[in-house]
Protein backbone atom coordinates (compact mmCIF):
# COMPACT_ATOMS: atom_id res chain seq x y z
CA UNK A 1 48.96 107.82 26.66
CA UNK A 2 52.73 107.65 25.99
CA UNK A 3 53.36 106.61 29.62
CA UNK A 4 50.90 103.78 29.26
CA UNK A 5 52.65 102.49 26.12
CA UNK A 6 56.10 102.65 27.75
CA UNK A 7 54.80 100.82 30.79
CA UNK A 8 53.34 98.07 28.61
CA UNK A 9 56.63 97.66 26.68
CA UNK A 10 58.64 97.54 29.90
CA UNK A 11 56.38 94.90 31.40
CA UNK A 12 56.64 92.78 28.27
CA UNK A 13 60.40 93.06 28.33
CA UNK A 14 60.54 92.13 31.99
CA UNK A 15 58.26 89.16 31.37
CA UNK A 16 60.53 87.98 28.57
CA UNK A 17 63.58 88.19 30.80
CA UNK A 18 61.81 86.34 33.55
CA UNK A 19 60.78 83.56 31.13
CA UNK A 20 64.34 83.24 29.80
CA UNK A 21 65.72 83.05 33.33
CA UNK A 22 63.22 80.31 34.25
CA UNK A 23 64.16 78.35 31.13
CA UNK A 24 67.85 78.59 32.04
CA UNK A 25 67.15 77.46 35.60
CA UNK A 26 65.08 74.54 34.33
CA UNK A 27 67.91 73.50 31.99
CA UNK A 28 70.38 73.59 34.86
CA UNK A 29 68.25 71.44 37.14
CA UNK A 30 67.05 68.93 34.50
CA UNK A 31 68.49 65.39 34.58
CA UNK A 32 71.22 64.85 31.99
CA UNK A 33 70.44 62.67 28.98
CA UNK A 34 71.65 59.07 29.51
CA UNK A 35 74.83 58.30 27.59
CA UNK A 36 74.48 55.41 25.12
CA UNK A 37 77.50 53.23 24.22
CA UNK A 38 78.16 51.19 21.11
CA UNK A 39 78.86 47.59 22.19
CA UNK A 40 80.48 44.80 20.25
CA UNK A 41 81.65 41.29 21.00
CA UNK A 42 85.41 40.69 20.84
CA UNK A 43 87.02 37.25 20.58
CA UNK A 44 90.53 37.20 22.04
CA UNK A 45 91.25 33.51 21.41
CA UNK A 46 94.44 32.83 19.42
CA UNK A 47 93.29 30.58 16.59
CA UNK A 48 96.86 30.34 15.32
CA UNK A 49 97.83 28.00 18.15
CA UNK A 50 96.51 24.62 19.36
CA UNK A 51 94.11 24.49 22.29
CA UNK A 52 96.15 24.98 25.49
CA UNK A 53 95.82 22.79 28.59
CA UNK A 54 92.87 23.53 30.85
CA UNK A 55 91.16 22.22 33.94
CA UNK A 56 89.25 19.02 33.23
CA UNK A 57 85.75 19.61 31.93
CA UNK A 58 82.79 18.39 33.98
CA UNK A 59 81.00 15.15 33.06
CA UNK A 60 77.83 16.94 31.92
CA UNK A 61 79.84 18.39 29.02
CA UNK A 62 79.72 15.08 27.17
CA UNK A 63 75.92 14.97 27.04
CA UNK A 64 76.13 17.77 24.49
CA UNK A 65 79.15 16.44 22.59
CA UNK A 66 79.57 14.65 19.25
CA UNK A 67 82.79 12.84 18.34
CA UNK A 68 82.91 12.05 14.63
CA UNK A 69 85.65 10.57 12.49
CA UNK A 70 87.32 7.45 11.19
CA UNK A 71 88.29 4.26 13.00
CA UNK A 72 90.68 6.16 15.28
CA UNK A 73 87.65 7.94 16.72
CA UNK A 74 85.94 4.58 16.91
CA UNK A 75 88.21 3.71 19.84
CA UNK A 76 86.09 6.06 21.96
CA UNK A 77 83.02 4.08 20.94
CA UNK A 78 84.69 0.79 21.84
CA UNK A 79 86.59 1.77 24.99
CA UNK A 80 85.37 5.21 26.03
CA UNK A 81 84.11 5.83 29.54
CA UNK A 82 81.67 8.68 28.81
CA UNK A 83 78.43 6.87 28.03
CA UNK A 84 76.59 10.17 27.63
CA UNK A 85 78.78 11.20 24.65
CA UNK A 86 77.72 10.51 21.06
CA UNK A 87 80.49 8.81 19.07
CA UNK A 88 80.00 8.20 15.32
CA UNK A 89 82.61 6.83 12.93
CA UNK A 90 83.29 5.02 9.67
CA UNK A 91 86.00 2.40 9.39
CA UNK A 92 88.44 3.15 6.53
CA UNK A 93 86.63 6.42 5.89
CA UNK A 94 87.35 8.19 2.61
CA UNK A 95 86.27 11.75 3.34
CA UNK A 96 85.38 12.33 -0.30
CA UNK A 97 82.76 9.59 0.09
CA UNK A 98 81.48 10.64 3.52
CA UNK A 99 77.98 11.16 2.15
CA UNK A 100 77.75 7.59 0.78
CA UNK A 101 79.69 5.40 3.25
CA UNK A 102 77.38 4.05 6.02
CA UNK A 103 78.37 4.84 9.58
CA UNK A 104 79.45 1.90 11.71
CA UNK A 105 77.02 0.47 14.26
CA UNK A 106 73.93 1.58 12.33
CA UNK A 107 71.47 -0.68 10.54
CA UNK A 108 69.71 2.03 8.57
CA UNK A 109 72.58 2.93 6.19
CA UNK A 110 72.79 6.41 7.66
CA UNK A 111 76.00 8.17 6.67
CA UNK A 112 78.35 10.22 8.77
CA UNK A 113 77.46 13.22 6.64
CA UNK A 114 73.79 12.70 7.52
CA UNK A 115 74.69 12.66 11.20
CA UNK A 116 76.82 15.79 10.95
CA UNK A 117 74.22 17.68 8.93
CA UNK A 118 71.47 17.06 11.51
CA UNK A 119 73.40 17.34 14.78
CA UNK A 120 72.48 19.99 17.31
CA UNK A 121 75.36 19.28 19.68
CA UNK A 122 77.19 22.24 21.16
CA UNK A 123 80.62 20.52 21.25
CA UNK A 124 81.68 18.87 17.99
CA UNK A 125 84.97 17.01 17.51
CA UNK A 126 86.28 15.89 14.11
CA UNK A 127 89.09 13.41 13.42
CA UNK A 128 89.67 12.85 9.70
CA UNK A 129 92.47 12.31 7.23
CA UNK A 130 94.57 9.27 8.08
CA UNK A 131 93.04 7.09 5.37
CA UNK A 132 94.24 9.55 2.74
CA UNK A 133 97.78 9.73 4.12
CA UNK A 134 99.24 8.27 0.92
CA UNK A 135 97.58 10.94 -1.26
CA UNK A 136 99.86 12.98 -3.48
CA UNK A 137 97.76 16.05 -2.73
CA UNK A 138 95.47 16.86 0.18
CA UNK A 139 93.72 19.63 -1.71
CA UNK A 140 90.59 17.56 -2.58
CA UNK A 141 90.42 16.41 1.06
CA UNK A 142 90.68 20.01 2.28
CA UNK A 143 87.97 21.15 -0.13
CA UNK A 144 85.59 18.46 1.10
CA UNK A 145 86.36 19.19 4.73
CA UNK A 146 85.75 22.89 4.10
CA UNK A 147 82.33 21.97 2.74
CA UNK A 148 81.60 20.04 5.93
CA UNK A 149 82.86 22.86 8.16
CA UNK A 150 80.74 25.42 6.32
CA UNK A 151 77.68 23.24 6.73
CA UNK A 152 78.37 22.71 10.44
CA UNK A 153 78.86 26.42 11.08
CA UNK A 154 75.71 27.38 9.20
CA UNK A 155 73.64 24.79 11.08
CA UNK A 156 75.30 25.33 14.45
CA UNK A 157 76.48 28.95 14.66
CA UNK A 158 77.00 28.81 18.42
CA UNK A 159 78.69 25.39 18.65
CA UNK A 160 82.33 24.89 19.56
CA UNK A 161 84.01 22.88 16.81
CA UNK A 162 87.34 21.13 17.36
CA UNK A 163 89.52 19.74 14.57
CA UNK A 164 91.87 17.04 15.85
CA UNK A 165 95.22 16.78 14.09
CA UNK A 166 96.50 13.39 12.99
CA UNK A 167 98.76 11.97 15.68
CA UNK A 168 101.96 10.35 14.44
CA UNK A 169 101.47 6.55 14.33
CA UNK A 170 104.30 4.10 14.90
CA UNK A 171 103.77 2.81 11.40
CA UNK A 172 101.48 2.84 8.38
CA UNK A 173 101.62 -0.07 5.99
CA UNK A 174 103.27 0.82 2.72
CA UNK A 175 104.55 4.19 3.91
CA UNK A 176 108.01 4.28 5.44
CA UNK A 177 109.93 7.13 7.04
CA UNK A 178 110.71 9.87 6.27
CA UNK A 179 107.81 9.90 3.82
CA UNK A 180 105.29 9.14 6.58
CA UNK A 181 106.35 12.18 8.59
CA UNK A 182 106.30 14.37 5.47
CA UNK A 183 102.76 13.27 4.61
CA UNK A 184 101.55 13.78 8.17
CA UNK A 185 102.98 17.28 8.25
CA UNK A 186 101.26 18.06 4.96
CA UNK A 187 97.93 16.71 6.21
CA UNK A 188 98.14 18.54 9.52
CA UNK A 189 99.17 21.73 7.76
CA UNK A 190 95.92 21.62 5.82
CA UNK A 191 93.94 20.90 8.99
CA UNK A 192 95.53 23.82 10.85
CA UNK A 193 94.82 26.19 7.97
CA UNK A 194 91.18 25.09 7.87
CA UNK A 195 90.84 25.61 11.61
CA UNK A 196 92.36 29.08 11.43
CA UNK A 197 90.37 30.19 8.39
CA UNK A 198 87.10 29.06 9.95
CA UNK A 199 87.87 30.33 13.47
CA UNK A 200 87.66 26.83 14.91
CA UNK A 201 89.81 25.17 17.56
CA UNK A 202 92.38 22.48 16.85
CA UNK A 203 93.91 19.84 19.09
CA UNK A 204 97.49 18.65 18.69
CA UNK A 205 97.57 15.32 20.52
CA UNK A 206 101.19 14.74 19.52
CA UNK A 207 101.99 17.18 22.32
CA UNK A 208 100.86 14.91 25.09
CA UNK A 209 100.34 11.38 23.76
CA UNK A 210 103.70 10.99 22.01
CA UNK A 211 106.97 9.42 23.10
CA UNK A 212 110.54 10.73 22.88
CA UNK A 213 110.60 10.03 19.14
CA UNK A 214 107.46 12.07 18.52
CA UNK A 215 105.24 9.08 17.70
CA UNK A 216 102.25 7.74 19.58
CA UNK A 217 103.32 5.79 22.65
CA UNK A 218 103.53 2.05 22.13
CA UNK A 219 101.38 1.34 25.17
CA UNK A 220 98.52 3.35 23.65
CA UNK A 221 98.09 1.45 20.38
CA UNK A 222 97.64 -2.21 19.50
CA UNK A 223 98.74 -2.03 15.85
CA UNK A 224 100.86 1.11 15.77
CA UNK A 225 97.84 3.25 14.83
CA UNK A 226 94.57 2.41 16.59
CA UNK A 227 94.07 3.07 20.29
CA UNK A 228 93.76 0.17 22.70
CA UNK A 229 91.75 0.70 25.93
CA UNK A 230 94.70 2.42 27.64
CA UNK A 231 95.21 4.71 24.67
CA UNK A 232 91.51 5.50 24.39
CA UNK A 233 91.45 6.55 28.03
CA UNK A 234 94.54 8.71 27.54
CA UNK A 235 92.87 10.24 24.49
CA UNK A 236 89.79 10.97 26.59
CA UNK A 237 91.90 12.58 29.29
CA UNK A 238 93.66 14.75 26.72
CA UNK A 239 90.35 15.99 25.32
CA UNK A 240 88.95 16.63 28.81
CA UNK A 241 91.94 18.82 29.74
CA UNK A 242 92.05 20.80 26.48
CA UNK A 243 88.70 22.56 26.39
CA UNK A 244 88.22 26.20 25.47
CA UNK A 245 86.07 28.11 27.96
CA UNK A 246 84.55 30.68 25.67
CA UNK A 247 83.75 33.08 28.51
CA UNK A 248 87.49 33.42 29.10
CA UNK A 249 88.14 34.73 25.60
CA UNK A 250 84.92 36.32 24.34
CA UNK A 251 84.11 39.70 25.90
CA UNK A 252 81.55 42.42 25.26
CA UNK A 253 83.24 45.80 24.81
CA UNK A 254 81.18 49.00 25.08
CA UNK A 255 82.51 52.44 24.13
């Protein structure tokens, strides 16, 4: 009887060892669990600097572009060569009244704010500020522009938004040098800050359309401020060769 019990215990022990060995072998031959990585999108663009030169953008780009601003932007409406681009502007625009001043070339009293609040364009360009150049403070202007930028970003989270700095005109009536330069620097300082704070691009056309004195070239303007056809085409060329290719700066990083 005792031999039978010992034999049973030994067999059980051997069976347990065999099962453990099979489990270990199975673990060794099993496929390893796939490794999962945490991925995030990184934006390497330097928003502290103006948009650098680039290869000219293709013509199809303009079909999804909106150019909005004051009468300086209106030169693209009058003389521009990209018929597929949407250009909207208000002559003598006061940005604080952008939601009440009718846009030029519309019969329905639509405002520029209405246009901006309903746009679905992927490339949005803004040129504002010159009509407030005599202001003692640009803070109210900056607050209103921030409101517009917030609205645009909320409505168009994937759009590329460009803020165009005020180029230095030859002259502005009632504002002589050096006060004109001081006011322009103040205005552009606000525009740069807004671009940086909102992670938007800004264009500095003074680095490309200016002369040796740092003002807009005489052959580009008909009154010292507004582009003539030659200036409008130069302005177009500048925009076309200062486009941010997002794929160059935005990368997905997985760890």
